[in-house]
Amino acid sequence: MSAKPTIGFVGVGSMGWPMAALLHKAGYPLQIVDASAERAQAFCKEIGGTVAASNRALAAASDIIITILPTSAIVEAVLNGPEGILAGLRPDAVVVEMSSGVPTITRTLAEQVAAAKGHLVDAPVSGGVPRAKTGELAIMFGGSAALLERVRPVLSCMGTSITPTGDVGSAHAMKALNNLVSAGGFLIGVEALLIGKRFGLDPAAMVDVLNSSTGMNNSTQKKFKQFVLSGQYNAGFGLDLMVKDLSIALGIGKDTNTPTPFAAMCREMWAASAAMLGPGQDHTAVAKMSEKLAGTVLSDK
C-alpha cells in the first residue's frame, strides 16, 4: 500500500483549521503555512503536521497544495515571488485553490502554475464552519476530470458532495453566484421577520412556519434562530467576505452583459451594512441594518 501524498495547507483560519484537521485525521502528512506564524505553530501543536519555513519550502515538500485564503490577491502573492509556492513547486504537483476567488484571476494563476510544470484547480466550498468541522462541506470543482479523480480522496475528507462545474475558474464563479442567492435569501427573510414582529407575530414561530413552507431557505434553516434571534451573530463567516463574494458575482454579471438589478441592490445593501457596522463583523450581523431601518429588534436577548 503506497503512502498517502503529502499535503501543503496554506491558511488555517476559521475554515482552514477544521478542514486541515480532517486531513490530518485521515492520515495525510501535512505541511502548514499561515499568515500568522503563531497560528500555524498552534495548529501543529494541537492537531499535528509540520510548520513549513516558507511557501516555497511547503511546495518543495508537498504533492498536493491547498490554498484557502481571504482573497485572490493574497493567493497570487502566496504563489509568486522568490519564496512563493511556484518557486518550490514539484513537477506535476496539484494546487487546489479552495478560496472564494475571482474567476479571471484564477485562470491567470492556473496558467502560471502550468508554466511551472504543475496544475491548478479551483474547489471552493459551501457550508460554513459547522460543516467544515464535520467534513460535510459542499465542494465545487473547476478542472479536468483526470485531476478531479486525482484529488477526490483528499476532497472527500472535507466534503460530502463534489460537483464538477467545468473548466478552471468555473467553480469560483459558481461559489460567488451561490453566495449571491444565499445573501438575497437572508435579507428578504429578515425583512419578513421584521414585518411579522411589528404585526404581532413571534419571529421564532415565523421561522418554524417558513421551514415547513415554501419560504424555507438556508438562512431560515441554519441562521435565523441560531445567530440572529439568539443575538449571537457568530456564524463564522465575515461580513466583509460576503461583500467581496457579492462583488465577484456582480463582476461576472458585468463581464457577461447580464442585467442584474436585484443582485446590484442586494450587494449595495450588504456593502452599506458593512460600512455602517465597521470591520470584524460576522455576516449574520447584516440583520442589524434592517432592524435599524425598521426601528425593531428581532432578538429578545
Protein backbone atom coordinates (compact mmCIF):
# COMPACT_ATOMS: atom_id res chain seq x y z
CA MET A 1 0.00 0.00 0.00
CA SER A 2 1.53 3.31 -1.09
CA ALA A 3 1.93 6.15 1.36
CA LYS A 4 -0.54 9.00 1.19
CA PRO A 5 0.65 12.13 -0.61
CA THR A 6 1.96 14.99 1.47
CA ILE A 7 -0.39 17.98 1.52
CA GLY A 8 0.78 21.55 1.85
CA PHE A 9 -2.01 23.53 3.52
CA VAL A 10 -1.88 27.31 3.24
CA GLY A 11 -4.30 29.14 5.52
CA VAL A 12 -5.52 27.66 8.81
CA GLY A 13 -8.14 30.29 9.54
CA SER A 14 -11.69 29.69 10.71
CA MET A 15 -12.42 27.41 7.74
CA GLY A 16 -8.93 26.11 7.01
CA TRP A 17 -8.23 24.89 10.55
CA PRO A 18 -11.04 22.30 10.73
CA MET A 19 -10.50 21.27 7.10
CA ALA A 20 -6.79 20.65 7.66
CA ALA A 21 -7.62 18.84 10.90
CA LEU A 22 -9.80 16.38 8.98
CA LEU A 23 -6.95 15.71 6.55
CA HIS A 24 -4.61 15.01 9.44
CA LYS A 25 -7.20 12.70 10.98
CA ALA A 26 -7.37 10.82 7.66
CA GLY A 27 -3.64 10.19 7.79
CA TYR A 28 -2.28 12.74 5.34
CA PRO A 29 1.15 14.21 6.20
CA LEU A 30 0.72 18.00 6.41
CA GLN A 31 2.98 20.96 5.77
CA ILE A 32 1.38 24.09 7.26
CA VAL A 33 1.73 27.79 6.47
CA ASP A 34 -0.39 30.67 7.74
CA ALA A 35 -0.03 34.45 7.64
CA SER A 36 0.17 34.16 11.43
CA ALA A 37 3.20 32.08 12.32
CA GLU A 38 1.75 31.68 15.81
CA ARG A 39 -1.47 30.20 14.41
CA ALA A 40 0.46 27.74 12.22
CA GLN A 41 2.50 26.67 15.24
CA ALA A 42 -0.65 26.35 17.35
CA PHE A 43 -2.25 24.12 14.72
CA CYS A 44 0.73 21.78 14.54
CA LYS A 45 0.98 21.63 18.32
CA GLU A 46 -2.72 20.94 18.83
CA ILE A 47 -3.57 18.91 15.71
CA GLY A 48 -0.33 17.78 14.05
CA GLY A 49 1.73 18.41 10.95
CA THR A 50 4.89 20.41 10.32
CA VAL A 51 5.22 24.17 10.10
CA ALA A 52 6.91 24.95 6.78
CA ALA A 53 9.63 27.61 6.78
CA SER A 54 8.08 29.36 3.78
CA ASN A 55 5.60 28.89 0.97
CA ARG A 56 8.49 27.77 -1.21
CA ALA A 57 9.58 25.17 1.36
CA LEU A 58 5.99 23.98 1.71
CA ALA A 59 5.72 23.45 -2.04
CA ALA A 60 9.04 21.64 -2.24
CA ALA A 61 7.80 19.12 0.35
CA SER A 62 4.24 18.64 -0.97
CA ASP A 63 2.50 16.63 -3.67
CA ILE A 64 -0.81 18.49 -3.35
CA ILE A 65 -1.10 22.10 -2.15
CA ILE A 66 -4.35 23.54 -0.77
CA THR A 67 -4.88 27.28 -0.50
CA ILE A 68 -7.84 28.70 1.42
CA LEU A 69 -7.28 32.42 1.84
CA PRO A 70 -9.38 35.60 2.04
CA THR A 71 -8.84 36.94 -1.50
CA SER A 72 -7.41 36.08 -4.91
CA ALA A 73 -4.82 38.84 -4.43
CA ILE A 74 -3.47 37.03 -1.37
CA VAL A 75 -3.41 33.72 -3.27
CA GLU A 76 -1.47 35.44 -6.04
CA ALA A 77 1.06 36.78 -3.53
CA VAL A 78 1.46 33.35 -1.94
CA LEU A 79 2.13 31.72 -5.32
CA ASN A 80 4.62 34.25 -6.64
CA GLY A 81 7.90 35.77 -5.55
CA PRO A 82 11.27 34.22 -4.66
CA GLU A 83 9.80 32.43 -1.63
CA GLY A 84 6.44 31.68 -3.24
CA ILE A 85 4.86 28.34 -3.99
CA LEU A 86 5.81 28.44 -7.66
CA ALA A 87 9.49 28.76 -6.75
CA GLY A 88 9.40 25.39 -4.98
CA LEU A 89 6.65 23.59 -6.89
CA ARG A 90 7.29 19.92 -7.62
CA PRO A 91 6.75 18.79 -11.24
CA ASP A 92 3.16 17.56 -11.75
CA ALA A 93 2.04 18.83 -8.30
CA VAL A 94 -1.57 19.99 -7.98
CA VAL A 95 -2.58 23.30 -6.42
CA VAL A 96 -6.16 23.12 -5.13
CA GLU A 97 -7.44 26.68 -4.77
CA MET A 98 -10.27 26.47 -2.20
CA SER A 99 -10.66 30.19 -1.52
CA SER A 100 -13.62 32.19 -2.80
CA GLY A 101 -11.74 33.68 -5.72
CA VAL A 102 -12.18 35.88 -8.77
CA PRO A 103 -12.60 33.53 -11.78
CA THR A 104 -10.49 35.59 -14.18
CA ILE A 105 -7.62 35.79 -11.70
CA THR A 106 -7.92 32.07 -11.01
CA ARG A 107 -7.49 31.33 -14.71
CA THR A 108 -4.38 33.53 -14.85
CA LEU A 109 -2.95 31.75 -11.82
CA ALA A 110 -3.65 28.39 -13.47
CA GLU A 111 -1.56 29.50 -16.45
CA GLN A 112 1.29 30.48 -14.12
CA VAL A 113 1.15 27.13 -12.34
CA ALA A 114 1.12 25.31 -15.68
CA ALA A 115 4.22 27.26 -16.74
CA ALA A 116 5.88 25.95 -13.55
CA LYS A 117 5.02 22.36 -14.66
CA GLY A 118 2.15 21.94 -12.21
CA HIS A 119 -1.66 22.06 -12.26
CA LEU A 120 -4.15 24.40 -10.60
CA VAL A 121 -7.82 23.59 -9.99
CA ASP A 122 -10.43 25.62 -8.11
CA ALA A 123 -12.50 23.91 -5.42
CA PRO A 124 -14.35 26.45 -3.26
CA VAL A 125 -16.66 25.23 -0.53
CA SER A 126 -20.07 25.97 0.92
CA GLY A 127 -21.40 25.09 4.34
CA GLY A 128 -19.57 27.36 6.75
CA VAL A 129 -17.57 26.50 9.84
CA PRO A 130 -20.08 24.00 11.27
CA ARG A 131 -19.90 21.76 8.18
CA ALA A 132 -16.15 22.33 7.87
CA LYS A 133 -15.79 20.76 11.30
CA THR A 134 -17.88 17.71 10.41
CA GLY A 135 -16.48 17.18 6.90
CA GLU A 136 -19.85 17.82 5.29
CA LEU A 137 -18.95 20.72 3.03
CA ALA A 138 -20.34 21.07 -0.47
CA ILE A 139 -17.38 21.38 -2.84
CA MET A 140 -17.48 22.84 -6.34
CA PHE A 141 -14.71 21.77 -8.72
CA GLY A 142 -13.24 23.52 -11.74
CA GLY A 143 -10.73 21.49 -13.71
CA SER A 144 -10.26 18.33 -15.73
CA ALA A 145 -11.91 15.03 -14.87
CA ALA A 146 -8.46 13.44 -14.52
CA LEU A 147 -7.35 15.99 -11.93
CA LEU A 148 -10.62 15.61 -10.06
CA GLU A 149 -10.05 11.87 -9.70
CA ARG A 150 -6.52 12.54 -8.55
CA VAL A 151 -7.59 14.84 -5.71
CA ARG A 152 -11.00 13.31 -4.99
CA PRO A 153 -9.75 11.25 -1.99
CA VAL A 154 -8.42 14.45 -0.41
CA LEU A 155 -11.57 16.48 -1.12
CA SER A 156 -13.75 13.65 0.17
CA CYS A 157 -12.20 14.03 3.61
CA MET A 158 -13.62 17.56 3.79
CA GLY A 159 -16.90 17.36 1.90
CA THR A 160 -19.82 15.05 1.23
CA SER A 161 -20.60 16.41 -2.24
CA ILE A 162 -18.18 17.28 -5.02
CA THR A 163 -19.81 18.86 -8.07
CA PRO A 164 -17.80 19.44 -11.27
CA THR A 165 -18.68 22.82 -12.76
CA GLY A 166 -16.45 22.93 -15.85
CA ASP A 167 -13.04 24.39 -16.62
CA VAL A 168 -10.74 26.14 -14.18
CA GLY A 169 -12.43 29.27 -12.81
CA SER A 170 -15.95 27.93 -13.18
CA ALA A 171 -16.13 26.74 -9.58
CA HIS A 172 -15.17 30.17 -8.28
CA ALA A 173 -17.89 31.68 -10.47
CA MET A 174 -20.42 29.19 -9.07
CA LYS A 175 -19.37 29.91 -5.49
CA ALA A 176 -19.91 33.65 -5.92
CA LEU A 177 -23.31 33.09 -7.51
CA ASN A 178 -24.28 30.67 -4.74
CA ASN A 179 -23.44 33.31 -2.15
CA LEU A 180 -25.45 35.86 -4.11
CA VAL A 181 -28.54 33.65 -3.82
CA SER A 182 -27.80 32.99 -0.14
CA ALA A 183 -27.34 36.70 0.60
CA GLY A 184 -30.60 37.61 -1.12
CA GLY A 185 -32.48 34.95 0.82
CA PHE A 186 -31.06 36.22 4.10
CA LEU A 187 -32.11 39.82 3.51
CA ILE A 188 -35.66 39.07 2.37
CA GLY A 189 -36.08 36.65 5.26
CA VAL A 190 -35.01 39.25 7.83
CA GLU A 191 -37.39 41.80 6.35
CA ALA A 192 -40.25 39.29 6.54
CA LEU A 193 -39.46 38.61 10.19
CA LEU A 194 -39.44 42.33 10.94
CA ILE A 195 -42.78 42.84 9.21
CA GLY A 196 -44.20 39.92 11.15
CA LYS A 197 -42.90 41.08 14.53
CA ARG A 198 -44.34 44.57 14.02
CA PHE A 199 -47.65 42.96 13.09
CA GLY A 200 -47.58 40.88 16.26
CA LEU A 201 -46.17 37.54 15.11
CA ASP A 202 -43.46 35.73 17.08
CA PRO A 203 -40.24 35.63 14.99
CA ALA A 204 -39.28 32.16 16.25
CA ALA A 205 -42.70 30.81 15.31
CA MET A 206 -42.36 32.51 11.92
CA VAL A 207 -39.08 30.68 11.32
CA ASP A 208 -40.80 27.39 12.15
CA VAL A 209 -43.55 28.13 9.62
CA LEU A 210 -41.07 29.18 6.95
CA ASN A 211 -39.12 25.96 7.48
CA SER A 212 -42.23 23.87 6.85
CA SER A 213 -43.40 26.03 3.93
CA THR A 214 -42.26 27.37 0.58
CA GLY A 215 -40.32 30.24 2.16
CA MET A 216 -37.67 27.89 3.53
CA ASN A 217 -34.05 28.62 2.64
CA ASN A 218 -30.61 28.14 4.18
CA SER A 219 -30.99 31.22 6.36
CA THR A 220 -34.34 30.13 7.80
CA GLN A 221 -32.90 26.69 8.50
CA LYS A 222 -29.43 27.46 9.78
CA LYS A 223 -29.01 31.13 10.59
CA PHE A 224 -32.06 32.98 11.90
CA LYS A 225 -32.68 31.15 15.19
CA GLN A 226 -29.05 30.19 15.66
CA PHE A 227 -27.37 33.54 15.07
CA VAL A 228 -29.95 36.35 14.70
CA LEU A 229 -32.79 35.63 17.13
CA SER A 230 -30.19 34.39 19.62
CA GLY A 231 -28.32 37.69 19.33
CA GLN A 232 -25.05 35.75 18.86
CA TYR A 233 -24.08 36.87 15.33
CA ASN A 234 -21.18 34.40 15.26
CA ALA A 235 -21.74 32.05 12.32
CA GLY A 236 -18.02 32.25 11.46
CA PHE A 237 -18.12 33.94 8.04
CA GLY A 238 -17.16 37.59 7.84
CA LEU A 239 -19.46 40.33 6.56
CA ASP A 240 -16.55 41.77 4.57
CA LEU A 241 -16.05 38.41 2.85
CA MET A 242 -19.71 38.25 1.85
CA VAL A 243 -19.44 41.70 0.30
CA LYS A 244 -16.35 40.51 -1.56
CA ASP A 245 -18.19 37.48 -2.94
CA LEU A 246 -21.18 39.59 -3.97
CA SER A 247 -18.82 41.97 -5.77
CA ILE A 248 -17.34 38.99 -7.63
CA ALA A 249 -20.83 37.86 -8.65
CA LEU A 250 -21.70 41.35 -9.91
CA GLY A 251 -18.41 41.43 -11.82
CA ILE A 252 -19.34 38.18 -13.58
CA GLY A 253 -22.69 39.73 -14.44
CA LYS A 254 -20.94 42.76 -15.94
CA ASP A 255 -18.47 40.61 -17.88
CA THR A 256 -21.34 38.60 -19.39
CA ASN A 257 -23.51 41.68 -20.09
CA THR A 258 -26.26 40.28 -17.85
CA PRO A 259 -28.74 42.77 -16.36
CA THR A 260 -28.61 42.38 -12.57
CA PRO A 261 -30.91 44.97 -10.92
CA PHE A 262 -31.88 42.86 -7.90
CA ALA A 263 -28.37 41.48 -7.44
CA ALA A 264 -26.94 45.00 -7.55
CA MET A 265 -29.37 46.19 -4.88
CA CYS A 266 -28.55 43.15 -2.74
CA ARG A 267 -24.83 43.84 -2.98
CA GLU A 268 -25.29 47.52 -2.12
CA MET A 269 -27.34 46.67 0.98
CA TRP A 270 -24.65 44.28 2.24
CA ALA A 271 -21.93 46.84 1.49
CA ALA A 272 -23.90 49.57 3.27
CA SER A 273 -24.28 47.30 6.29
CA ALA A 274 -20.53 46.63 6.35
CA ALA A 275 -19.83 50.36 6.23
CA MET A 276 -22.37 51.05 9.00
CA LEU A 277 -21.23 48.29 11.35
CA GLY A 278 -17.48 48.57 10.76
CA PRO A 279 -14.82 45.87 10.32
CA GLY A 280 -14.72 42.48 12.03
CA GLN A 281 -18.45 41.73 11.85
CA ASP A 282 -19.99 38.34 11.21
CA HIS A 283 -22.12 38.25 8.06
CA THR A 284 -25.28 37.49 10.08
CA ALA A 285 -24.92 40.94 11.69
CA VAL A 286 -26.27 42.39 8.42
CA ALA A 287 -29.67 41.90 10.11
CA LYS A 288 -28.82 44.86 12.35
CA MET A 289 -29.11 47.26 9.40
CA SER A 290 -32.63 46.07 8.59
CA GLU A 291 -33.50 46.30 12.28
CA LYS A 292 -32.23 49.87 12.42
CA LEU A 293 -34.28 50.84 9.36
CA ALA A 294 -37.38 49.27 10.90
CA GLY A 295 -36.77 50.54 14.40
CA THR A 296 -37.41 47.00 15.62
CA VAL A 297 -35.06 44.42 17.12
CA LEU A 298 -35.66 40.71 16.38
CA SER A 299 -33.68 39.29 19.30
CA ASP A 300 -35.15 39.40 22.79
CA LYS A 301 -31.69 38.69 24.25
